Amino acid sequence: MHTLADFLTFRTFVTPSVLLGVYYLGALGMPALFLYLLRLESLRKIREQLKSAWQWRLIIFLFFLAGELAWRIFIEFFVAYFQIRAALTGV
């Protein structure tokens, strides 16, 4: 059982148990972020410069995929880090 002293001296990390929740918050929050960005005035100027609506939708879709992929890679890095740490320390 972990004690408060282990937590305060960083012998026990809270991050591995919280990582899954953070991943889903980011994965579900990413579409909300892109919807917010679509409403910004600066992006409206870019949209007007594009010739057709399908080009705009394709660009938004590609940015969305890139954002989701980057978020997944970011979280997987930390999962791998904690698995490597557990294997090396025997925790």
PDB file of N, CA and C in Angstrom:
ATOM      1  N   MET A   1       0.841  -1.181   0.000  1.00  0.00           N
ATOM      2  CA  MET A   1       0.000   0.000   0.000  1.00  0.00           C
ATOM      3  C   MET A   1       0.888   1.247   0.000  1.00  0.00           C
ATOM      4  N   HIS A   2       0.485   2.206  -0.768  1.00  0.00           N
ATOM      5  CA  HIS A   2       1.256   3.428  -0.897  1.00  0.00           C
ATOM      6  C   HIS A   2       0.885   4.407   0.206  1.00  0.00           C
ATOM      7  N   THR A   3       1.886   5.067   0.698  1.00  0.00           N
ATOM      8  CA  THR A   3       1.647   6.039   1.758  1.00  0.00           C
ATOM      9  C   THR A   3       1.729   7.444   1.191  1.00  0.00           C
ATOM     10  N   LEU A   4       1.362   8.396   2.016  1.00  0.00           N
ATOM     11  CA  LEU A   4       1.447   9.793   1.616  1.00  0.00           C
ATOM     12  C   LEU A   4       2.901  10.204   1.386  1.00  0.00           C
ATOM     13  N   ALA A   5       3.812   9.642   2.161  1.00  0.00           N
ATOM     14  CA  ALA A   5       5.234   9.960   1.989  1.00  0.00           C
ATOM     15  C   ALA A   5       5.740   9.492   0.629  1.00  0.00           C
ATOM     16  N   ASP A   6       5.281   8.313   0.169  1.00  0.00           N
ATOM     17  CA  ASP A   6       5.672   7.838  -1.160  1.00  0.00           C
ATOM     18  C   ASP A   6       5.170   8.774  -2.246  1.00  0.00           C
ATOM     19  N   PHE A   7       3.970   9.277  -2.086  1.00  0.00           N
ATOM     20  CA  PHE A   7       3.406  10.205  -3.060  1.00  0.00           C
ATOM     21  C   PHE A   7       4.153  11.527  -3.061  1.00  0.00           C
ATOM     22  N   LEU A   8       4.471  12.043  -1.883  1.00  0.00           N
ATOM     23  CA  LEU A   8       5.138  13.338  -1.772  1.00  0.00           C
ATOM     24  C   LEU A   8       6.601  13.289  -2.212  1.00  0.00           C
ATOM     25  N   THR A   9       7.233  12.132  -2.153  1.00  0.00           N
ATOM     26  CA  THR A   9       8.625  11.998  -2.581  1.00  0.00           C
ATOM     27  C   THR A   9       8.745  11.439  -4.004  1.00  0.00           C
ATOM     28  N   PHE A  10       7.636  11.366  -4.724  1.00  0.00           N
ATOM     29  CA  PHE A  10       7.572  10.917  -6.108  1.00  0.00           C
ATOM     30  C   PHE A  10       8.021   9.471  -6.287  1.00  0.00           C
ATOM     31  N   ARG A  11       7.864   8.643  -5.265  1.00  0.00           N
ATOM     32  CA  ARG A  11       8.086   7.211  -5.439  1.00  0.00           C
ATOM     33  C   ARG A  11       6.851   6.550  -6.036  1.00  0.00           C
ATOM     34  N   THR A  12       5.704   7.178  -5.835  1.00  0.00           N
ATOM     35  CA  THR A  12       4.436   6.716  -6.407  1.00  0.00           C
ATOM     36  C   THR A  12       3.896   7.825  -7.300  1.00  0.00           C
ATOM     37  N   PHE A  13       3.552   7.465  -8.529  1.00  0.00           N
ATOM     38  CA  PHE A  13       3.000   8.445  -9.468  1.00  0.00           C
ATOM     39  C   PHE A  13       1.498   8.252  -9.580  1.00  0.00           C
ATOM     40  N   VAL A  14       0.781   9.331  -9.627  1.00  0.00           N
ATOM     41  CA  VAL A  14      -0.664   9.281  -9.805  1.00  0.00           C
ATOM     42  C   VAL A  14      -1.015   9.288 -11.302  1.00  0.00           C
ATOM     43  N   THR A  15      -0.082   9.658 -12.135  1.00  0.00           N
ATOM     44  CA  THR A  15      -0.341   9.851 -13.559  1.00  0.00           C
ATOM     45  C   THR A  15      -0.827   8.603 -14.295  1.00  0.00           C
ATOM     46  N   PRO A  16      -0.274   7.425 -14.084  1.00  0.00           N
ATOM     47  CA  PRO A  16      -0.761   6.275 -14.871  1.00  0.00           C
ATOM     48  C   PRO A  16      -2.257   6.023 -14.710  1.00  0.00           C
ATOM     49  N   SER A  17      -2.794   6.234 -13.534  1.00  0.00           N
ATOM     50  CA  SER A  17      -4.219   5.991 -13.335  1.00  0.00           C
ATOM     51  C   SER A  17      -5.081   7.111 -13.902  1.00  0.00           C
ATOM     52  N   VAL A  18      -4.526   8.301 -14.048  1.00  0.00           N
ATOM     53  CA  VAL A  18      -5.271   9.447 -14.556  1.00  0.00           C
ATOM     54  C   VAL A  18      -5.145   9.567 -16.077  1.00  0.00           C
ATOM     55  N   LEU A  19      -4.155   8.919 -16.639  1.00  0.00           N
ATOM     56  CA  LEU A  19      -3.844   9.066 -18.060  1.00  0.00           C
ATOM     57  C   LEU A  19      -5.002   8.684 -18.971  1.00  0.00           C
ATOM     58  N   LEU A  20      -5.725   7.648 -18.639  1.00  0.00           N
ATOM     59  CA  LEU A  20      -6.842   7.223 -19.478  1.00  0.00           C
ATOM     60  C   LEU A  20      -7.937   8.290 -19.521  1.00  0.00           C
ATOM     61  N   GLY A  21      -8.246   8.888 -18.390  1.00  0.00           N
ATOM     62  CA  GLY A  21      -9.243   9.953 -18.356  1.00  0.00           C
ATOM     63  C   GLY A  21      -8.799  11.179 -19.135  1.00  0.00           C
ATOM     64  N   VAL A  22      -7.531  11.521 -19.032  1.00  0.00           N
ATOM     65  CA  VAL A  22      -6.998  12.667 -19.770  1.00  0.00           C
ATOM     66  C   VAL A  22      -7.060  12.402 -21.275  1.00  0.00           C
ATOM     67  N   TYR A  23      -6.784  11.160 -21.662  1.00  0.00           N
ATOM     68  CA  TYR A  23      -6.851  10.824 -23.084  1.00  0.00           C
ATOM     69  C   TYR A  23      -8.266  11.040 -23.627  1.00  0.00           C
ATOM     70  N   TYR A  24      -9.262  10.529 -22.929  1.00  0.00           N
ATOM     71  CA  TYR A  24     -10.633  10.661 -23.422  1.00  0.00           C
ATOM     72  C   TYR A  24     -11.124  12.102 -23.369  1.00  0.00           C
ATOM     73  N   LEU A  25     -10.705  12.853 -22.378  1.00  0.00           N
ATOM     74  CA  LEU A  25     -11.068  14.277 -22.351  1.00  0.00           C
ATOM     75  C   LEU A  25     -10.496  15.002 -23.564  1.00  0.00           C
ATOM     76  N   GLY A  26      -9.264  14.706 -23.905  1.00  0.00           N
ATOM     77  CA  GLY A  26      -8.645  15.329 -25.065  1.00  0.00           C
ATOM     78  C   GLY A  26      -9.237  14.843 -26.371  1.00  0.00           C
ATOM     79  N   ALA A  27      -9.507  13.533 -26.458  1.00  0.00           N
ATOM     80  CA  ALA A  27     -10.062  12.976 -27.692  1.00  0.00           C
ATOM     81  C   ALA A  27     -11.471  13.507 -27.950  1.00  0.00           C
ATOM     82  N   LEU A  28     -12.228  13.721 -26.910  1.00  0.00           N
ATOM     83  CA  LEU A  28     -13.576  14.276 -27.076  1.00  0.00           C
ATOM     84  C   LEU A  28     -13.557  15.793 -27.133  1.00  0.00           C
ATOM     85  N   GLY A  29     -12.549  16.404 -26.530  1.00  0.00           N
ATOM     86  CA  GLY A  29     -12.445  17.856 -26.547  1.00  0.00           C
ATOM     87  C   GLY A  29     -11.879  18.403 -27.840  1.00  0.00           C
ATOM     88  N   MET A  30     -11.167  17.563 -28.584  1.00  0.00           N
ATOM     89  CA  MET A  30     -10.578  17.999 -29.846  1.00  0.00           C
ATOM     90  C   MET A  30     -11.637  18.469 -30.851  1.00  0.00           C
ATOM     91  N   PRO A  31     -12.731  17.728 -31.053  1.00  0.00           N
ATOM     92  CA  PRO A  31     -13.758  18.237 -31.968  1.00  0.00           C
ATOM     93  C   PRO A  31     -14.357  19.568 -31.507  1.00  0.00           C
ATOM     94  N   ALA A  32     -14.533  19.731 -30.212  1.00  0.00           N
ATOM     95  CA  ALA A  32     -15.060  20.997 -29.695  1.00  0.00           C
ATOM     96  C   ALA A  32     -14.087  22.141 -29.963  1.00  0.00           C
ATOM     97  N   LEU A  33     -12.807  21.877 -29.837  1.00  0.00           N
ATOM     98  CA  LEU A  33     -11.802  22.893 -30.123  1.00  0.00           C
ATOM     99  C   LEU A  33     -11.838  23.299 -31.596  1.00  0.00           C
ATOM    100  N   PHE A  34     -11.955  22.344 -32.484  1.00  0.00           N
ATOM    101  CA  PHE A  34     -12.001  22.672 -33.904  1.00  0.00           C
ATOM    102  C   PHE A  34     -13.273  23.421 -34.274  1.00  0.00           C
ATOM    103  N   LEU A  35     -14.378  23.077 -33.648  1.00  0.00           N
ATOM    104  CA  LEU A  35     -15.609  23.836 -33.909  1.00  0.00           C
ATOM    105  C   LEU A  35     -15.460  25.280 -33.449  1.00  0.00           C
ATOM    106  N   TYR A  36     -14.797  25.470 -32.327  1.00  0.00           N
ATOM    107  CA  TYR A  36     -14.546  26.828 -31.833  1.00  0.00           C
ATOM    108  C   TYR A  36     -13.633  27.595 -32.793  1.00  0.00           C
ATOM    109  N   LEU A  37     -12.598  26.928 -33.273  1.00  0.00           N
ATOM    110  CA  LEU A  37     -11.662  27.584 -34.184  1.00  0.00           C
ATOM    111  C   LEU A  37     -12.314  27.934 -35.517  1.00  0.00           C
ATOM    112  N   LEU A  38     -13.283  27.138 -35.923  1.00  0.00           N
ATOM    113  CA  LEU A  38     -13.978  27.441 -37.174  1.00  0.00           C
ATOM    114  C   LEU A  38     -14.733  28.754 -37.102  1.00  0.00           C
ATOM    115  N   ARG A  39     -15.123  29.138 -35.929  1.00  0.00           N
ATOM    116  CA  ARG A  39     -15.925  30.338 -35.760  1.00  0.00           C
ATOM    117  C   ARG A  39     -15.077  31.617 -35.642  1.00  0.00           C
ATOM    118  N   LEU A  40     -13.795  31.478 -35.575  1.00  0.00           N
ATOM    119  CA  LEU A  40     -12.943  32.656 -35.464  1.00  0.00           C
ATOM    120  C   LEU A  40     -12.949  33.455 -36.762  1.00  0.00           C
ATOM    121  N   GLU A  41     -12.868  34.741 -36.623  1.00  0.00           N
ATOM    122  CA  GLU A  41     -12.946  35.639 -37.787  1.00  0.00           C
ATOM    123  C   GLU A  41     -11.777  35.454 -38.745  1.00  0.00           C
ATOM    124  N   SER A  42     -10.603  35.173 -38.221  1.00  0.00           N
ATOM    125  CA  SER A  42      -9.439  35.027 -39.100  1.00  0.00           C
ATOM    126  C   SER A  42      -9.586  33.838 -40.032  1.00  0.00           C
ATOM    127  N   LEU A  43     -10.237  32.787 -39.570  1.00  0.00           N
ATOM    128  CA  LEU A  43     -10.426  31.617 -40.425  1.00  0.00           C
ATOM    129  C   LEU A  43     -11.490  31.865 -41.487  1.00  0.00           C
ATOM    130  N   ARG A  44     -12.390  32.786 -41.243  1.00  0.00           N
ATOM    131  CA  ARG A  44     -13.412  33.103 -42.249  1.00  0.00           C
ATOM    132  C   ARG A  44     -12.772  33.708 -43.500  1.00  0.00           C
ATOM    133  N   LYS A  45     -11.720  34.481 -43.318  1.00  0.00           N
ATOM    134  CA  LYS A  45     -11.019  35.060 -44.460  1.00  0.00           C
ATOM    135  C   LYS A  45     -10.382  33.967 -45.310  1.00  0.00           C
ATOM    136  N   ILE A  46      -9.813  32.975 -44.658  1.00  0.00           N
ATOM    137  CA  ILE A  46      -9.204  31.862 -45.384  1.00  0.00           C
ATOM    138  C   ILE A  46     -10.288  31.094 -46.137  1.00  0.00           C
ATOM    139  N   ARG A  47     -11.417  30.878 -45.494  1.00  0.00           N
ATOM    140  CA  ARG A  47     -12.508  30.154 -46.125  1.00  0.00           C
ATOM    141  C   ARG A  47     -13.005  30.878 -47.380  1.00  0.00           C
ATOM    142  N   GLU A  48     -13.046  32.198 -47.340  1.00  0.00           N
ATOM    143  CA  GLU A  48     -13.502  32.966 -48.496  1.00  0.00           C
ATOM    144  C   GLU A  48     -12.527  32.847 -49.662  1.00  0.00           C
ATOM    145  N   GLN A  49     -11.258  32.657 -49.367  1.00  0.00           N
ATOM    146  CA  GLN A  49     -10.262  32.550 -50.424  1.00  0.00           C
ATOM    147  C   GLN A  49     -10.300  31.202 -51.127  1.00  0.00           C
ATOM    148  N   LEU A  50     -10.816  30.194 -50.469  1.00  0.00           N
ATOM    149  CA  LEU A  50     -10.897  28.878 -51.101  1.00  0.00           C
ATOM    150  C   LEU A  50     -12.020  28.874 -52.131  1.00  0.00           C
ATOM    151  N   LYS A  51     -11.817  28.138 -53.202  1.00  0.00           N
ATOM    152  CA  LYS A  51     -12.764  28.166 -54.319  1.00  0.00           C
ATOM    153  C   LYS A  51     -14.057  27.422 -54.022  1.00  0.00           C
ATOM    154  N   SER A  52     -13.977  26.295 -53.350  1.00  0.00           N
ATOM    155  CA  SER A  52     -15.198  25.523 -53.111  1.00  0.00           C
ATOM    156  C   SER A  52     -15.262  25.040 -51.673  1.00  0.00           C
ATOM    157  N   ALA A  53     -16.452  24.670 -51.271  1.00  0.00           N
ATOM    158  CA  ALA A  53     -16.670  24.248 -49.883  1.00  0.00           C
ATOM    159  C   ALA A  53     -16.014  22.913 -49.576  1.00  0.00           C
ATOM    160  N   TRP A  54     -15.886  22.046 -50.577  1.00  0.00           N
ATOM    161  CA  TRP A  54     -15.289  20.743 -50.299  1.00  0.00           C
ATOM    162  C   TRP A  54     -13.824  20.873 -49.927  1.00  0.00           C
ATOM    163  N   GLN A  55     -13.131  21.864 -50.494  1.00  0.00           N
ATOM    164  CA  GLN A  55     -11.728  22.081 -50.118  1.00  0.00           C
ATOM    165  C   GLN A  55     -11.636  22.487 -48.651  1.00  0.00           C
ATOM    166  N   TRP A  56     -12.537  23.345 -48.211  1.00  0.00           N
ATOM    167  CA  TRP A  56     -12.546  23.796 -46.825  1.00  0.00           C
ATOM    168  C   TRP A  56     -12.823  22.635 -45.884  1.00  0.00           C
ATOM    169  N   ARG A  57     -13.792  21.815 -46.247  1.00  0.00           N
ATOM    170  CA  ARG A  57     -14.125  20.658 -45.399  1.00  0.00           C
ATOM    171  C   ARG A  57     -12.971  19.661 -45.356  1.00  0.00           C
ATOM    172  N   LEU A  58     -12.296  19.480 -46.465  1.00  0.00           N
ATOM    173  CA  LEU A  58     -11.154  18.574 -46.499  1.00  0.00           C
ATOM    174  C   LEU A  58     -10.024  19.084 -45.615  1.00  0.00           C
ATOM    175  N   ILE A  59      -9.753  20.370 -45.657  1.00  0.00           N
ATOM    176  CA  ILE A  59      -8.704  20.951 -44.818  1.00  0.00           C
ATOM    177  C   ILE A  59      -9.048  20.782 -43.343  1.00  0.00           C
ATOM    178  N   ILE A  60     -10.288  21.061 -42.971  1.00  0.00           N
ATOM    179  CA  ILE A  60     -10.707  20.905 -41.581  1.00  0.00           C
ATOM    180  C   ILE A  60     -10.606  19.448 -41.149  1.00  0.00           C
ATOM    181  N   PHE A  61     -11.010  18.542 -42.015  1.00  0.00           N
ATOM    182  CA  PHE A  61     -10.937  17.121 -41.695  1.00  0.00           C
ATOM    183  C   PHE A  61      -9.491  16.672 -41.499  1.00  0.00           C
ATOM    184  N   LEU A  62      -8.579  17.143 -42.354  1.00  0.00           N
ATOM    185  CA  LEU A  62      -7.168  16.769 -42.229  1.00  0.00           C
ATOM    186  C   LEU A  62      -6.548  17.334 -40.951  1.00  0.00           C
ATOM    187  N   PHE A  63      -6.903  18.574 -40.595  1.00  0.00           N
ATOM    188  CA  PHE A  63      -6.421  19.132 -39.335  1.00  0.00           C
ATOM    189  C   PHE A  63      -6.974  18.367 -38.141  1.00  0.00           C
ATOM    190  N   PHE A  64      -8.218  17.966 -38.236  1.00  0.00           N
ATOM    191  CA  PHE A  64      -8.824  17.177 -37.163  1.00  0.00           C
ATOM    192  C   PHE A  64      -8.098  15.845 -36.993  1.00  0.00           C
ATOM    193  N   LEU A  65      -7.845  15.146 -38.090  1.00  0.00           N
ATOM    194  CA  LEU A  65      -7.126  13.871 -38.014  1.00  0.00           C
ATOM    195  C   LEU A  65      -5.717  14.051 -37.463  1.00  0.00           C
ATOM    196  N   ALA A  66      -5.040  15.096 -37.904  1.00  0.00           N
ATOM    197  CA  ALA A  66      -3.689  15.356 -37.409  1.00  0.00           C
ATOM    198  C   ALA A  66      -3.704  15.655 -35.913  1.00  0.00           C
ATOM    199  N   GLY A  67      -4.688  16.404 -35.458  1.00  0.00           N
ATOM    200  CA  GLY A  67      -4.802  16.709 -34.034  1.00  0.00           C
ATOM    201  C   GLY A  67      -5.089  15.479 -33.198  1.00  0.00           C
ATOM    202  N   GLU A  68      -5.994  14.629 -33.666  1.00  0.00           N
ATOM    203  CA  GLU A  68      -6.306  13.395 -32.946  1.00  0.00           C
ATOM    204  C   GLU A  68      -5.094  12.469 -32.897  1.00  0.00           C
ATOM    205  N   LEU A  69      -4.388  12.371 -34.009  1.00  0.00           N
ATOM    206  CA  LEU A  69      -3.200  11.519 -34.065  1.00  0.00           C
ATOM    207  C   LEU A  69      -2.102  12.042 -33.141  1.00  0.00           C
ATOM    208  N   ALA A  70      -1.890  13.349 -33.143  1.00  0.00           N
ATOM    209  CA  ALA A  70      -0.879  13.938 -32.262  1.00  0.00           C
ATOM    210  C   ALA A  70      -1.243  13.713 -30.796  1.00  0.00           C
ATOM    211  N   TRP A  71      -2.509  13.842 -30.460  1.00  0.00           N
ATOM    212  CA  TRP A  71      -2.945  13.623 -29.072  1.00  0.00           C
ATOM    213  C   TRP A  71      -2.715  12.169 -28.667  1.00  0.00           C
ATOM    214  N   ARG A  72      -3.034  11.246 -29.560  1.00  0.00           N
ATOM    215  CA  ARG A  72      -2.849   9.824 -29.261  1.00  0.00           C
ATOM    216  C   ARG A  72      -1.364   9.509 -29.057  1.00  0.00           C
ATOM    217  N   ILE A  73      -0.501  10.047 -29.914  1.00  0.00           N
ATOM    218  CA  ILE A  73       0.941   9.820 -29.791  1.00  0.00           C
ATOM    219  C   ILE A  73       1.460  10.404 -28.487  1.00  0.00           C
ATOM    220  N   PHE A  74       0.978  11.579 -28.116  1.00  0.00           N
ATOM    221  CA  PHE A  74       1.381  12.226 -26.872  1.00  0.00           C
ATOM    222  C   PHE A  74       1.044  11.348 -25.666  1.00  0.00           C
ATOM    223  N   ILE A  75      -0.160  10.813 -25.628  1.00  0.00           N
ATOM    224  CA  ILE A  75      -0.578   9.973 -24.508  1.00  0.00           C
ATOM    225  C   ILE A  75       0.172   8.641 -24.521  1.00  0.00           C
ATOM    226  N   GLU A  76       0.357   8.050 -25.704  1.00  0.00           N
ATOM    227  CA  GLU A  76       1.075   6.781 -25.774  1.00  0.00           C
ATOM    228  C   GLU A  76       2.525   6.916 -25.329  1.00  0.00           C
ATOM    229  N   PHE A  77       3.123   8.072 -25.539  1.00  0.00           N
ATOM    230  CA  PHE A  77       4.475   8.303 -25.051  1.00  0.00           C
ATOM    231  C   PHE A  77       4.522   8.149 -23.529  1.00  0.00           C
ATOM    232  N   PHE A  78       3.571   8.752 -22.847  1.00  0.00           N
ATOM    233  CA  PHE A  78       3.559   8.668 -21.392  1.00  0.00           C
ATOM    234  C   PHE A  78       3.206   7.270 -20.901  1.00  0.00           C
ATOM    235  N   VAL A  79       2.330   6.568 -21.594  1.00  0.00           N
ATOM    236  CA  VAL A  79       2.021   5.188 -21.231  1.00  0.00           C
ATOM    237  C   VAL A  79       3.279   4.334 -21.345  1.00  0.00           C
ATOM    238  N   ALA A  80       4.007   4.492 -22.452  1.00  0.00           N
ATOM    239  CA  ALA A  80       5.247   3.737 -22.640  1.00  0.00           C
ATOM    240  C   ALA A  80       6.272   4.111 -21.575  1.00  0.00           C
ATOM    241  N   TYR A  81       6.352   5.385 -21.243  1.00  0.00           N
ATOM    242  CA  TYR A  81       7.297   5.819 -20.215  1.00  0.00           C
ATOM    243  C   TYR A  81       7.025   5.116 -18.894  1.00  0.00           C
ATOM    244  N   PHE A  82       5.769   5.086 -18.484  1.00  0.00           N
ATOM    245  CA  PHE A  82       5.455   4.470 -17.201  1.00  0.00           C
ATOM    246  C   PHE A  82       5.610   2.953 -17.242  1.00  0.00           C
ATOM    247  N   GLN A  83       5.390   2.323 -18.399  1.00  0.00           N
ATOM    248  CA  GLN A  83       5.622   0.884 -18.509  1.00  0.00           C
ATOM    249  C   GLN A  83       7.113   0.571 -18.442  1.00  0.00           C
ATOM    250  N   ILE A  84       7.923   1.379 -19.102  1.00  0.00           N
ATOM    251  CA  ILE A  84       9.377   1.188 -19.039  1.00  0.00           C
ATOM    252  C   ILE A  84       9.878   1.403 -17.623  1.00  0.00           C
ATOM    253  N   ARG A  85       9.379   2.454 -16.968  1.00  0.00           N
ATOM    254  CA  ARG A  85       9.792   2.728 -15.595  1.00  0.00           C
ATOM    255  C   ARG A  85       9.415   1.579 -14.660  1.00  0.00           C
ATOM    256  N   ALA A  86       8.206   1.041 -14.836  1.00  0.00           N
ATOM    257  CA  ALA A  86       7.779  -0.079 -13.990  1.00  0.00           C
ATOM    258  C   ALA A  86       8.626  -1.318 -14.235  1.00  0.00           C
ATOM    259  N   ALA A  87       9.007  -1.544 -15.497  1.00  0.00           N
ATOM    260  CA  ALA A  87       9.842  -2.707 -15.809  1.00  0.00           C
ATOM    261  C   ALA A  87      11.250  -2.558 -15.230  1.00  0.00           C
ATOM    262  N   LEU A  88      11.774  -1.353 -15.251  1.00  0.00           N
ATOM    263  CA  LEU A  88      13.144  -1.141 -14.749  1.00  0.00           C
ATOM    264  C   LEU A  88      13.215  -1.110 -13.224  1.00  0.00           C
ATOM    265  N   THR A  89      12.184  -0.590 -12.590  1.00  0.00           N
ATOM    266  CA  THR A  89      12.216  -0.492 -11.132  1.00  0.00           C
ATOM    267  C   THR A  89      11.554  -1.677 -10.443  1.00  0.00           C
ATOM    268  N   GLY A  90      10.829  -2.490 -11.202  1.00  0.00           N
ATOM    269  CA  GLY A  90      10.188  -3.655 -10.607  1.00  0.00           C
ATOM    270  C   GLY A  90       8.946  -3.308  -9.812  1.00  0.00           C
ATOM    271  N   VAL A  91       8.351  -2.162 -10.094  1.00  0.00           N
ATOM    272  CA  VAL A  91       7.150  -1.734  -9.367  1.00  0.00           C
ATOM    273  C   VAL A  91       5.934  -2.373  -9.970  1.00  0.00           C
TER     274      VAL A  91
END
